[in-house]
Amino acid sequence: MNTTIPNNPLEEMIATLNLSDANGAKTREDIFTGPSQWMPHGRVFGGQVLAQSLVAATRTVEDRFVHSLHGYFLRPGDINLPITFSVDRLRDGRSFSTRRVQAYQKGEPIFSMIASFQVTDPGLEHQDAFPAGIPDPETLPSAAELIGENPHPVAQYWAKARPFDMRHVGSPIYFSVKGEQVPHQAVWLKALGTMPDDLTLHTAALAYASDYSILESIYRAHGIAWSHPGLKSASLDHAMWFHRQAKVDDWMLYVQESPSAQGGRGLAMGKIFSRDGQLLATVAQEGMVRVPEMAD
């Protein structure tokens, strides 16, 4: 496990997704193990365990591709410990296969997911349109350019440790919320380098990146930046539908909105488009959002 900012975040992510088969260990379930990545707050990044769980499930399926997953974050993960994944082969039908994955540390589940896989099948096709008026990613500053050498470890994580180049359309909300307070935003993203030509890796990496900024639409609506004093947030669950195959080393647009926030929770929805306008995936996540002044 890395204990500092990695020199090559993309290589580290790929290595993290390369799960071991636990030396052939098996109960009635398939068993895999994987490392944890460094994070400045000491907790496992939700996108990491989500992507690893998807890799584990995919390892037990042949000639079928994931079309949806639904997961719950049960406990904070410890970056100092590896993670064990158990895969239960719930069903293999003529067209669909279903897998349940549990991720464990210290013998306790930290994440639980069900994923469904499908044989490639022709059918009806339509999709939402790519939004109008979006500037090209090359015209927007990267997080590294915006944050620079800010010494705070979280700022340095945003700037240097993520395996994706992320560029907000409009002002990001790292330290302040500029402009209109609205419950929606868009972010360009792509891997920092070339990924292996492996569909499983690209799909898992897409799931990994889908957890980065989706809750920001909730914060933006209320003028709350990531650096807001006392802000506490955590992903509660994560659902994802995969519509078309993605290449995460090409630019993708992540369009996000929050339809509701209440009771210390907020719901966020996202659509991920390829640069040429294909709708690649749809995402939904509910998060815990606690702001000190709202508790008074």
C-alpha atoms as a PDB file:
ATOM      1  CA  MET A   1       0.000   0.000   0.000  1.00  0.00           C
ATOM      2  CA  ASN A   2       1.213   3.504  -0.820  1.00  0.00           C
ATOM      3  CA  THR A   3       1.397   5.861   2.143  1.00  0.00           C
ATOM      4  CA  THR A   4       2.137   9.002   0.112  1.00  0.00           C
ATOM      5  CA  ILE A   5       0.930  10.605  -3.098  1.00  0.00           C
ATOM      6  CA  PRO A   6       1.780   8.133  -5.909  1.00  0.00           C
ATOM      7  CA  ASN A   7       4.220   9.062  -8.653  1.00  0.00           C
ATOM      8  CA  ASN A   8       1.918   7.544 -11.277  1.00  0.00           C
ATOM      9  CA  PRO A   9      -1.728   7.533 -10.095  1.00  0.00           C
ATOM     10  CA  LEU A  10      -2.995   5.749 -13.219  1.00  0.00           C
ATOM     11  CA  GLU A  11      -0.567   2.843 -12.852  1.00  0.00           C
ATOM     12  CA  GLU A  12      -1.484   2.590  -9.168  1.00  0.00           C
ATOM     13  CA  MET A  13      -5.210   2.446  -9.992  1.00  0.00           C
ATOM     14  CA  ILE A  14      -4.624  -0.287 -12.591  1.00  0.00           C
ATOM     15  CA  ALA A  15      -2.547  -2.277 -10.079  1.00  0.00           C
ATOM     16  CA  THR A  16      -5.283  -1.870  -7.465  1.00  0.00           C
ATOM     17  CA  LEU A  17      -7.845  -3.313  -9.884  1.00  0.00           C
ATOM     18  CA  ASN A  18      -5.628  -6.327 -10.622  1.00  0.00           C
ATOM     19  CA  LEU A  19      -7.116  -8.557  -7.930  1.00  0.00           C
ATOM     20  CA  SER A  20      -5.505 -11.746  -6.674  1.00  0.00           C
ATOM     21  CA  ASP A  21      -7.479 -14.978  -6.603  1.00  0.00           C
ATOM     22  CA  ALA A  22      -6.336 -15.518  -2.985  1.00  0.00           C
ATOM     23  CA  ASN A  23      -4.147 -18.482  -3.999  1.00  0.00           C
ATOM     24  CA  GLY A  24      -7.186 -20.417  -5.109  1.00  0.00           C
ATOM     25  CA  ALA A  25      -9.056 -20.025  -1.810  1.00  0.00           C
ATOM     26  CA  LYS A  26     -12.736 -20.836  -2.251  1.00  0.00           C
ATOM     27  CA  THR A  27     -15.761 -21.583  -0.130  1.00  0.00           C
ATOM     28  CA  ARG A  28     -19.128 -21.845  -1.851  1.00  0.00           C
ATOM     29  CA  GLU A  29     -18.132 -18.404  -3.139  1.00  0.00           C
ATOM     30  CA  ASP A  30     -15.225 -17.172  -5.234  1.00  0.00           C
ATOM     31  CA  ILE A  31     -12.613 -15.285  -3.179  1.00  0.00           C
ATOM     32  CA  PHE A  32     -10.370 -12.436  -4.354  1.00  0.00           C
ATOM     33  CA  THR A  33      -8.121  -9.970  -2.571  1.00  0.00           C
ATOM     34  CA  GLY A  34      -6.943  -6.482  -3.460  1.00  0.00           C
ATOM     35  CA  PRO A  35      -4.902  -3.637  -1.954  1.00  0.00           C
ATOM     36  CA  SER A  36      -6.127  -0.294  -0.663  1.00  0.00           C
ATOM     37  CA  GLN A  37      -4.933   3.026  -2.047  1.00  0.00           C
ATOM     38  CA  TRP A  38      -3.643   5.964  -0.048  1.00  0.00           C
ATOM     39  CA  MET A  39      -6.180   8.640   0.794  1.00  0.00           C
ATOM     40  CA  PRO A  40      -5.452  11.783   2.851  1.00  0.00           C
ATOM     41  CA  HIS A  41      -8.292  11.126   5.316  1.00  0.00           C
ATOM     42  CA  GLY A  42      -7.302   7.482   5.902  1.00  0.00           C
ATOM     43  CA  ARG A  43     -10.547   5.954   4.556  1.00  0.00           C
ATOM     44  CA  VAL A  44     -10.781   3.799   1.441  1.00  0.00           C
ATOM     45  CA  PHE A  45     -12.113   5.732  -1.573  1.00  0.00           C
ATOM     46  CA  GLY A  46     -15.604   4.484  -2.366  1.00  0.00           C
ATOM     47  CA  GLY A  47     -14.918   4.389  -6.096  1.00  0.00           C
ATOM     48  CA  GLN A  48     -11.976   2.072  -5.450  1.00  0.00           C
ATOM     49  CA  VAL A  49     -13.934  -0.623  -3.588  1.00  0.00           C
ATOM     50  CA  LEU A  50     -16.823  -0.239  -6.057  1.00  0.00           C
ATOM     51  CA  ALA A  51     -14.505  -0.828  -9.029  1.00  0.00           C
ATOM     52  CA  GLN A  52     -12.701  -3.710  -7.331  1.00  0.00           C
ATOM     53  CA  SER A  53     -16.029  -5.370  -6.533  1.00  0.00           C
ATOM     54  CA  LEU A  54     -17.017  -5.067 -10.184  1.00  0.00           C
ATOM     55  CA  VAL A  55     -13.724  -6.662 -11.276  1.00  0.00           C
ATOM     56  CA  ALA A  56     -14.281  -9.517  -8.811  1.00  0.00           C
ATOM     57  CA  ALA A  57     -17.792 -10.145 -10.134  1.00  0.00           C
ATOM     58  CA  THR A  58     -16.633  -9.955 -13.764  1.00  0.00           C
ATOM     59  CA  ARG A  59     -13.959 -12.598 -13.102  1.00  0.00           C
ATOM     60  CA  THR A  60     -16.754 -15.136 -12.514  1.00  0.00           C
ATOM     61  CA  VAL A  61     -18.709 -14.416 -15.714  1.00  0.00           C
ATOM     62  CA  GLU A  62     -17.900 -15.499 -19.279  1.00  0.00           C
ATOM     63  CA  ASP A  63     -18.965 -13.737 -22.490  1.00  0.00           C
ATOM     64  CA  ARG A  64     -21.412 -11.419 -20.724  1.00  0.00           C
ATOM     65  CA  PHE A  65     -21.016  -7.742 -19.958  1.00  0.00           C
ATOM     66  CA  VAL A  66     -22.180  -5.805 -16.927  1.00  0.00           C
ATOM     67  CA  HIS A  67     -25.257  -3.679 -17.528  1.00  0.00           C
ATOM     68  CA  SER A  68     -26.055  -2.577 -13.975  1.00  0.00           C
ATOM     69  CA  LEU A  69     -24.835  -2.592 -10.410  1.00  0.00           C
ATOM     70  CA  HIS A  70     -26.316  -1.542  -7.081  1.00  0.00           C
ATOM     71  CA  GLY A  71     -24.092  -1.184  -4.040  1.00  0.00           C
ATOM     72  CA  TYR A  72     -24.192  -0.013  -0.418  1.00  0.00           C
ATOM     73  CA  PHE A  73     -21.272   1.426   1.530  1.00  0.00           C
ATOM     74  CA  LEU A  74     -21.610  -0.216   4.945  1.00  0.00           C
ATOM     75  CA  ARG A  75     -18.500   0.829   6.909  1.00  0.00           C
ATOM     76  CA  PRO A  76     -15.496   3.085   6.313  1.00  0.00           C
ATOM     77  CA  GLY A  77     -12.608   1.125   4.840  1.00  0.00           C
ATOM     78  CA  ASP A  78      -9.065   1.369   6.269  1.00  0.00           C
ATOM     79  CA  ILE A  79      -6.363   2.284   3.726  1.00  0.00           C
ATOM     80  CA  ASN A  80      -3.800   0.378   5.808  1.00  0.00           C
ATOM     81  CA  LEU A  81      -5.509  -2.963   5.169  1.00  0.00           C
ATOM     82  CA  PRO A  82      -6.139  -5.085   2.065  1.00  0.00           C
ATOM     83  CA  ILE A  83      -9.705  -5.982   1.094  1.00  0.00           C
ATOM     84  CA  THR A  84     -11.178  -9.463   0.623  1.00  0.00           C
ATOM     85  CA  PHE A  85     -13.971  -9.924  -1.930  1.00  0.00           C
ATOM     86  CA  SER A  86     -16.401 -12.835  -1.942  1.00  0.00           C
ATOM     87  CA  VAL A  87     -18.533 -13.419  -5.045  1.00  0.00           C
ATOM     88  CA  ASP A  88     -21.744 -15.422  -4.850  1.00  0.00           C
ATOM     89  CA  ARG A  89     -22.909 -16.745  -8.233  1.00  0.00           C
ATOM     90  CA  LEU A  90     -26.596 -16.113  -7.683  1.00  0.00           C
ATOM     91  CA  ARG A  91     -27.851 -17.058 -11.136  1.00  0.00           C
ATOM     92  CA  ASP A  92     -26.747 -17.856 -14.673  1.00  0.00           C
ATOM     93  CA  GLY A  93     -29.708 -17.718 -17.024  1.00  0.00           C
ATOM     94  CA  ARG A  94     -29.913 -17.874 -20.809  1.00  0.00           C
ATOM     95  CA  SER A  95     -29.299 -14.133 -21.222  1.00  0.00           C
ATOM     96  CA  PHE A  96     -28.455 -12.725 -17.779  1.00  0.00           C
ATOM     97  CA  SER A  97     -26.077 -13.573 -14.940  1.00  0.00           C
ATOM     98  CA  THR A  98     -26.358 -12.123 -11.438  1.00  0.00           C
ATOM     99  CA  ARG A  99     -23.564 -11.828  -8.888  1.00  0.00           C
ATOM    100  CA  ARG A 100     -23.456 -10.665  -5.278  1.00  0.00           C
ATOM    101  CA  VAL A 101     -20.165  -9.262  -3.986  1.00  0.00           C
ATOM    102  CA  GLN A 102     -19.211  -8.565  -0.385  1.00  0.00           C
ATOM    103  CA  ALA A 103     -16.029  -6.622   0.414  1.00  0.00           C
ATOM    104  CA  TYR A 104     -14.470  -7.357   3.830  1.00  0.00           C
ATOM    105  CA  GLN A 105     -11.856  -5.932   6.157  1.00  0.00           C
ATOM    106  CA  LYS A 106     -11.158  -7.488   9.572  1.00  0.00           C
ATOM    107  CA  GLY A 107     -13.910 -10.019   8.845  1.00  0.00           C
ATOM    108  CA  GLU A 108     -16.619  -7.335   8.576  1.00  0.00           C
ATOM    109  CA  PRO A 109     -18.334  -6.211   5.359  1.00  0.00           C
ATOM    110  CA  ILE A 110     -17.503  -2.669   4.281  1.00  0.00           C
ATOM    111  CA  PHE A 111     -19.381  -2.773   0.936  1.00  0.00           C
ATOM    112  CA  SER A 112     -22.109  -4.949  -0.580  1.00  0.00           C
ATOM    113  CA  MET A 113     -23.094  -5.031  -4.246  1.00  0.00           C
ATOM    114  CA  ILE A 114     -25.273  -6.917  -6.703  1.00  0.00           C
ATOM    115  CA  ALA A 115     -24.330  -6.731 -10.386  1.00  0.00           C
ATOM    116  CA  SER A 116     -26.114  -8.064 -13.448  1.00  0.00           C
ATOM    117  CA  PHE A 117     -24.466  -9.165 -16.710  1.00  0.00           C
ATOM    118  CA  GLN A 118     -26.050  -9.735 -20.103  1.00  0.00           C
ATOM    119  CA  VAL A 119     -25.269 -11.485 -23.366  1.00  0.00           C
ATOM    120  CA  THR A 120     -24.878  -8.917 -26.154  1.00  0.00           C
ATOM    121  CA  ASP A 121     -28.338  -8.600 -27.653  1.00  0.00           C
ATOM    122  CA  PRO A 122     -29.850  -6.350 -30.368  1.00  0.00           C
ATOM    123  CA  GLY A 123     -32.858  -4.235 -29.486  1.00  0.00           C
ATOM    124  CA  LEU A 124     -34.487  -0.816 -29.456  1.00  0.00           C
ATOM    125  CA  GLU A 125     -32.128   2.156 -29.175  1.00  0.00           C
ATOM    126  CA  HIS A 126     -32.475   5.786 -28.098  1.00  0.00           C
ATOM    127  CA  GLN A 127     -30.651   8.089 -25.693  1.00  0.00           C
ATOM    128  CA  ASP A 128     -30.635  11.555 -24.168  1.00  0.00           C
ATOM    129  CA  ALA A 129     -28.844  14.171 -26.217  1.00  0.00           C
ATOM    130  CA  PHE A 130     -25.416  15.540 -25.364  1.00  0.00           C
ATOM    131  CA  PRO A 131     -25.964  18.936 -23.700  1.00  0.00           C
ATOM    132  CA  ALA A 132     -25.512  22.056 -25.805  1.00  0.00           C
ATOM    133  CA  GLY A 133     -23.037  24.847 -25.149  1.00  0.00           C
ATOM    134  CA  ILE A 134     -20.332  22.758 -23.463  1.00  0.00           C
ATOM    135  CA  PRO A 135     -16.783  24.100 -23.986  1.00  0.00           C
ATOM    136  CA  ASP A 136     -14.039  21.729 -25.108  1.00  0.00           C
ATOM    137  CA  PRO A 137     -12.002  20.238 -22.258  1.00  0.00           C
ATOM    138  CA  GLU A 138      -8.759  21.626 -23.674  1.00  0.00           C
ATOM    139  CA  THR A 139     -10.056  25.164 -23.028  1.00  0.00           C
ATOM    140  CA  LEU A 140     -10.574  24.469 -19.300  1.00  0.00           C
ATOM    141  CA  PRO A 141      -7.963  24.354 -16.508  1.00  0.00           C
ATOM    142  CA  SER A 142      -7.079  21.072 -14.819  1.00  0.00           C
ATOM    143  CA  ALA A 143      -7.301  20.596 -11.059  1.00  0.00           C
ATOM    144  CA  ALA A 144      -3.512  20.661 -10.875  1.00  0.00           C
ATOM    145  CA  GLU A 145      -3.428  24.041 -12.638  1.00  0.00           C
ATOM    146  CA  LEU A 146      -6.108  25.488 -10.364  1.00  0.00           C
ATOM    147  CA  ILE A 147      -4.742  24.176  -7.073  1.00  0.00           C
ATOM    148  CA  GLY A 148      -1.029  24.473  -7.714  1.00  0.00           C
ATOM    149  CA  GLU A 149       1.176  23.866  -4.670  1.00  0.00           C
ATOM    150  CA  ASN A 150      -1.441  24.363  -1.961  1.00  0.00           C
ATOM    151  CA  PRO A 151       0.184  22.338   0.858  1.00  0.00           C
ATOM    152  CA  HIS A 152      -2.976  20.882   2.391  1.00  0.00           C
ATOM    153  CA  PRO A 153      -2.911  17.076   1.868  1.00  0.00           C
ATOM    154  CA  VAL A 154      -6.465  16.984   0.518  1.00  0.00           C
ATOM    155  CA  ALA A 155      -5.639  19.755  -1.968  1.00  0.00           C
ATOM    156  CA  GLN A 156      -2.555  17.851  -3.085  1.00  0.00           C
ATOM    157  CA  TYR A 157      -4.677  14.727  -3.494  1.00  0.00           C
ATOM    158  CA  TRP A 158      -7.071  16.635  -5.758  1.00  0.00           C
ATOM    159  CA  ALA A 159      -4.186  18.083  -7.738  1.00  0.00           C
ATOM    160  CA  LYS A 160      -1.803  15.134  -8.044  1.00  0.00           C
ATOM    161  CA  ALA A 161      -3.101  11.790  -6.747  1.00  0.00           C
ATOM    162  CA  ARG A 162      -6.212  11.104  -8.804  1.00  0.00           C
ATOM    163  CA  PRO A 163      -5.721   8.926 -11.906  1.00  0.00           C
ATOM    164  CA  PHE A 164      -8.156  11.108 -13.861  1.00  0.00           C
ATOM    165  CA  ASP A 165      -7.796  14.590 -15.292  1.00  0.00           C
ATOM    166  CA  MET A 166     -10.956  16.378 -14.160  1.00  0.00           C
ATOM    167  CA  ARG A 167     -11.994  19.753 -15.578  1.00  0.00           C
ATOM    168  CA  HIS A 168     -15.137  21.490 -14.360  1.00  0.00           C
ATOM    169  CA  VAL A 169     -17.332  23.363 -16.825  1.00  0.00           C
ATOM    170  CA  GLY A 170     -17.433  26.633 -14.939  1.00  0.00           C
ATOM    171  CA  SER A 171     -15.891  27.133 -11.531  1.00  0.00           C
ATOM    172  CA  PRO A 172     -15.075  24.064  -9.395  1.00  0.00           C
ATOM    173  CA  ILE A 173     -16.075  24.036  -5.735  1.00  0.00           C
ATOM    174  CA  TYR A 174     -12.805  22.992  -4.098  1.00  0.00           C
ATOM    175  CA  PHE A 175     -12.475  26.145  -1.968  1.00  0.00           C
ATOM    176  CA  SER A 176     -15.464  28.341  -2.850  1.00  0.00           C
ATOM    177  CA  VAL A 177     -18.675  28.355  -4.885  1.00  0.00           C
ATOM    178  CA  LYS A 178     -18.650  31.100  -7.481  1.00  0.00           C
ATOM    179  CA  GLY A 179     -21.592  32.154  -9.596  1.00  0.00           C
ATOM    180  CA  GLU A 180     -25.180  30.994  -9.295  1.00  0.00           C
ATOM    181  CA  GLN A 181     -25.976  28.366  -6.661  1.00  0.00           C
ATOM    182  CA  VAL A 182     -27.639  25.665  -8.759  1.00  0.00           C
ATOM    183  CA  PRO A 183     -28.131  21.911  -8.193  1.00  0.00           C
ATOM    184  CA  HIS A 184     -26.323  20.864 -11.359  1.00  0.00           C
ATOM    185  CA  GLN A 185     -22.892  20.919 -12.996  1.00  0.00           C
ATOM    186  CA  ALA A 186     -20.771  19.215 -15.664  1.00  0.00           C
ATOM    187  CA  VAL A 187     -17.226  17.861 -15.468  1.00  0.00           C
ATOM    188  CA  TRP A 188     -14.940  16.626 -18.235  1.00  0.00           C
ATOM    189  CA  LEU A 189     -12.757  13.672 -17.236  1.00  0.00           C
ATOM    190  CA  LYS A 190     -10.337  11.159 -18.721  1.00  0.00           C
ATOM    191  CA  ALA A 191      -7.558   8.889 -17.540  1.00  0.00           C
ATOM    192  CA  LEU A 192      -4.164  10.567 -17.175  1.00  0.00           C
ATOM    193  CA  GLY A 193      -2.567   8.194 -19.689  1.00  0.00           C
ATOM    194  CA  THR A 194      -3.273   5.287 -22.007  1.00  0.00           C
ATOM    195  CA  MET A 195      -5.183   2.379 -20.490  1.00  0.00           C
ATOM    196  CA  PRO A 196      -4.624  -1.285 -21.447  1.00  0.00           C
ATOM    197  CA  ASP A 197      -6.934  -2.559 -24.178  1.00  0.00           C
ATOM    198  CA  ASP A 198      -9.111  -4.439 -21.686  1.00  0.00           C
ATOM    199  CA  LEU A 199     -12.880  -3.870 -21.534  1.00  0.00           C
ATOM    200  CA  THR A 200     -13.073  -5.039 -17.915  1.00  0.00           C
ATOM    201  CA  LEU A 201     -10.488  -2.451 -16.850  1.00  0.00           C
ATOM    202  CA  HIS A 202     -12.154   0.393 -18.761  1.00  0.00           C
ATOM    203  CA  THR A 203     -15.566  -0.473 -17.305  1.00  0.00           C
ATOM    204  CA  ALA A 204     -14.194  -0.765 -13.756  1.00  0.00           C
ATOM    205  CA  ALA A 205     -12.289   2.500 -14.166  1.00  0.00           C
ATOM    206  CA  LEU A 206     -15.505   4.202 -15.295  1.00  0.00           C
ATOM    207  CA  ALA A 207     -17.198   2.980 -12.095  1.00  0.00           C
ATOM    208  CA  TYR A 208     -14.162   4.177 -10.117  1.00  0.00           C
ATOM    209  CA  ALA A 209     -14.364   7.704 -11.560  1.00  0.00           C
ATOM    210  CA  SER A 210     -18.156   7.901 -11.232  1.00  0.00           C
ATOM    211  CA  ASP A 211     -17.778   8.354  -7.452  1.00  0.00           C
ATOM    212  CA  TYR A 212     -15.524  11.432  -7.591  1.00  0.00           C
ATOM    213  CA  SER A 213     -17.725  14.466  -8.055  1.00  0.00           C
ATOM    214  CA  ILE A 214     -21.341  13.314  -8.208  1.00  0.00           C
ATOM    215  CA  LEU A 215     -22.290  14.743  -4.787  1.00  0.00           C
ATOM    216  CA  GLU A 216     -20.986  18.185  -5.770  1.00  0.00           C
ATOM    217  CA  SER A 217     -24.333  19.084  -7.335  1.00  0.00           C
ATOM    218  CA  ILE A 218     -25.802  18.937  -3.809  1.00  0.00           C
ATOM    219  CA  TYR A 219     -23.115  21.192  -2.339  1.00  0.00           C
ATOM    220  CA  ARG A 220     -23.240  23.665  -5.217  1.00  0.00           C
ATOM    221  CA  ALA A 221     -26.974  24.189  -4.729  1.00  0.00           C
ATOM    222  CA  HIS A 222     -26.287  25.501  -1.218  1.00  0.00           C
ATOM    223  CA  GLY A 223     -23.054  27.384  -1.845  1.00  0.00           C
ATOM    224  CA  ILE A 224     -20.998  24.809   0.072  1.00  0.00           C
ATOM    225  CA  ALA A 225     -17.422  24.095  -1.001  1.00  0.00           C
ATOM    226  CA  TRP A 226     -15.435  20.970  -0.145  1.00  0.00           C
ATOM    227  CA  SER A 227     -13.391  23.110   2.279  1.00  0.00           C
ATOM    228  CA  HIS A 228     -16.492  24.288   4.178  1.00  0.00           C
ATOM    229  CA  PRO A 229     -15.657  24.139   7.937  1.00  0.00           C
ATOM    230  CA  GLY A 230     -17.098  21.030   9.570  1.00  0.00           C
ATOM    231  CA  LEU A 231     -18.628  19.577   6.380  1.00  0.00           C
ATOM    232  CA  LYS A 232     -19.099  15.828   6.734  1.00  0.00           C
ATOM    233  CA  SER A 233     -20.123  13.692   3.792  1.00  0.00           C
ATOM    234  CA  ALA A 234     -20.073  10.039   2.859  1.00  0.00           C
ATOM    235  CA  SER A 235     -21.469   7.932   0.055  1.00  0.00           C
ATOM    236  CA  LEU A 236     -24.339   5.752   1.240  1.00  0.00           C
ATOM    237  CA  ASP A 237     -25.177   3.814  -1.906  1.00  0.00           C
ATOM    238  CA  HIS A 238     -24.288   3.812  -5.585  1.00  0.00           C
ATOM    239  CA  ALA A 239     -26.192   2.562  -8.619  1.00  0.00           C
ATOM    240  CA  MET A 240     -24.895   2.493 -12.161  1.00  0.00           C
ATOM    241  CA  TRP A 241     -26.295   1.427 -15.532  1.00  0.00           C
ATOM    242  CA  PHE A 242     -23.835   0.770 -18.363  1.00  0.00           C
ATOM    243  CA  HIS A 243     -25.345   1.566 -21.757  1.00  0.00           C
ATOM    244  CA  ARG A 244     -22.396   1.491 -24.150  1.00  0.00           C
ATOM    245  CA  GLN A 245     -18.754   0.509 -23.958  1.00  0.00           C
ATOM    246  CA  ALA A 246     -16.482   3.278 -22.719  1.00  0.00           C
ATOM    247  CA  LYS A 247     -12.849   4.169 -23.336  1.00  0.00           C
ATOM    248  CA  VAL A 248     -11.844   6.069 -20.244  1.00  0.00           C
ATOM    249  CA  ASP A 249      -8.600   7.348 -21.769  1.00  0.00           C
ATOM    250  CA  ASP A 250     -10.728   9.503 -24.091  1.00  0.00           C
ATOM    251  CA  TRP A 251     -12.536  12.610 -22.810  1.00  0.00           C
ATOM    252  CA  MET A 252     -15.966  11.972 -21.254  1.00  0.00           C
ATOM    253  CA  LEU A 253     -18.512  14.493 -20.001  1.00  0.00           C
ATOM    254  CA  TYR A 254     -20.110  13.789 -16.607  1.00  0.00           C
ATOM    255  CA  VAL A 255     -23.380  15.760 -16.300  1.00  0.00           C
ATOM    256  CA  GLN A 256     -24.664  15.836 -12.718  1.00  0.00           C
ATOM    257  CA  GLU A 257     -27.756  17.099 -10.911  1.00  0.00           C
ATOM    258  CA  SER A 258     -29.388  16.782  -7.505  1.00  0.00           C
ATOM    259  CA  PRO A 259     -33.192  16.462  -7.466  1.00  0.00           C
ATOM    260  CA  SER A 260     -33.483  16.509  -3.660  1.00  0.00           C
ATOM    261  CA  ALA A 261     -31.704  16.975  -0.336  1.00  0.00           C
ATOM    262  CA  GLN A 262     -33.332  16.428   3.069  1.00  0.00           C
ATOM    263  CA  GLY A 263     -32.779  14.766   6.430  1.00  0.00           C
ATOM    264  CA  GLY A 264     -28.988  15.020   6.300  1.00  0.00           C
ATOM    265  CA  ARG A 265     -28.965  13.196   2.942  1.00  0.00           C
ATOM    266  CA  GLY A 266     -28.785  14.290  -0.671  1.00  0.00           C
ATOM    267  CA  LEU A 267     -29.554  12.440  -3.901  1.00  0.00           C
ATOM    268  CA  ALA A 268     -27.457  13.016  -7.014  1.00  0.00           C
ATOM    269  CA  MET A 269     -27.908  11.720 -10.561  1.00  0.00           C
ATOM    270  CA  GLY A 270     -25.344  11.646 -13.329  1.00  0.00           C
ATOM    271  CA  LYS A 271     -25.020  10.923 -17.038  1.00  0.00           C
ATOM    272  CA  ILE A 272     -21.663  10.109 -18.609  1.00  0.00           C
ATOM    273  CA  PHE A 273     -21.255  10.894 -22.319  1.00  0.00           C
ATOM    274  CA  SER A 274     -18.412  10.175 -24.706  1.00  0.00           C
ATOM    275  CA  ARG A 275     -16.991  13.212 -26.454  1.00  0.00           C
ATOM    276  CA  ASP A 276     -18.799  12.267 -29.667  1.00  0.00           C
ATOM    277  CA  GLY A 277     -22.148  12.283 -27.837  1.00  0.00           C
ATOM    278  CA  GLN A 278     -22.830   8.659 -26.938  1.00  0.00           C
ATOM    279  CA  LEU A 279     -24.508   8.123 -23.580  1.00  0.00           C
ATOM    280  CA  LEU A 280     -22.163   5.650 -21.872  1.00  0.00           C
ATOM    281  CA  ALA A 281     -23.661   5.292 -18.396  1.00  0.00           C
ATOM    282  CA  THR A 282     -26.200   6.637 -15.928  1.00  0.00           C
ATOM    283  CA  VAL A 283     -25.356   6.964 -12.231  1.00  0.00           C
ATOM    284  CA  ALA A 284     -27.323   7.556  -9.025  1.00  0.00           C
ATOM    285  CA  GLN A 285     -25.929   8.059  -5.555  1.00  0.00           C
ATOM    286  CA  GLU A 286     -27.314   9.113  -2.191  1.00  0.00           C
ATOM    287  CA  GLY A 287     -24.881  10.641   0.244  1.00  0.00           C
ATOM    288  CA  MET A 288     -24.838  11.724   3.853  1.00  0.00           C
ATOM    289  CA  VAL A 289     -24.316  15.503   3.945  1.00  0.00           C
ATOM    290  CA  ARG A 290     -23.983  17.207   7.315  1.00  0.00           C
ATOM    291  CA  VAL A 291     -23.265  20.906   7.713  1.00  0.00           C
ATOM    292  CA  PRO A 292     -22.648  22.176  11.281  1.00  0.00           C
ATOM    293  CA  GLU A 293     -24.825  25.299  11.053  1.00  0.00           C
ATOM    294  CA  MET A 294     -27.806  23.213   9.868  1.00  0.00           C
ATOM    295  CA  ALA A 295     -27.662  21.107  13.042  1.00  0.00           C
ATOM    296  CA  ASP A 296     -28.351  24.083  15.327  1.00  0.00           C
END
